[in-house]
């Protein structure tokens, strides 16, 4: 028993806390299975390695500010048949990050854009890549405040450091020229240096209106699209499908809006 206590003490001193905790159980199991000492040692090290990797992933996921944890395996491709699953699986190889290319998910609300962005972010974290997630409105407000306080360059480093930056819900709110300029500076600084995943419910033709400056919008798109993968999602909202199944919606929300009034103002 004294030898086991010494072994546990050495494990703890070396920072192998999980292995130290599992020592008694592993030794007892090894004795029952008549397992060689070398194999028992391998099992202990595997327990420690697994625990360390789990801690690493939890920490990196927390630092990435992901809104939730959802994987590609949890995505219902059958519900969105318009998505090319092979294209998504190719993106999951993360070759786009190696190429410093961008991914743009376009489509109406609720079709899974953020889910796919988060899933790719999680896959990148699992492969040791730095990831940071931000809602477009929060990001631009942050940069606007930093610029007003003359600390834009320092704050910009937060968004330049990760290999993958996820900008979610671009186009939900309109932005002024100051915010548009800040976004241009960020996209330009990341151009061919780091990847961006951007989700938006606006077509590229509408970006000039969203940013309040068609010239800046064109310059941003020029850099985003030069090395990019564009995924257009046209389908129903995940969030409303259960309501629709219950008969609360007879048509899709967009169709319901169109049915309220015609261009002439007549109901139809």
Foldseek 3Di string as FASTA:
>chain_A
DVVLVVVLVVCVVVVQPQLSVCVVVLVVVCVVVVNDPVVSVVVSVVRSVVVVLVVQLVVLLVLQVQPDAAAPVNDDCVQQVVFDVVVLVVVLVVVCLVQQAEEEEEADPQQCLSNSVNNSVSSCVSVPFHHHEDELVVVLVVLLVCVVVVNNVVVLCSQQVTQEYEYEAPPPAAAEQSSLVSLLVSLVSSQSPHYYYYYYHDDLVCQCVRDVHPVSSVSSCVRNVPRYHYTYTYGAHPVCPVVVVVVVDVDGPVVVVCQQADPVRDHD
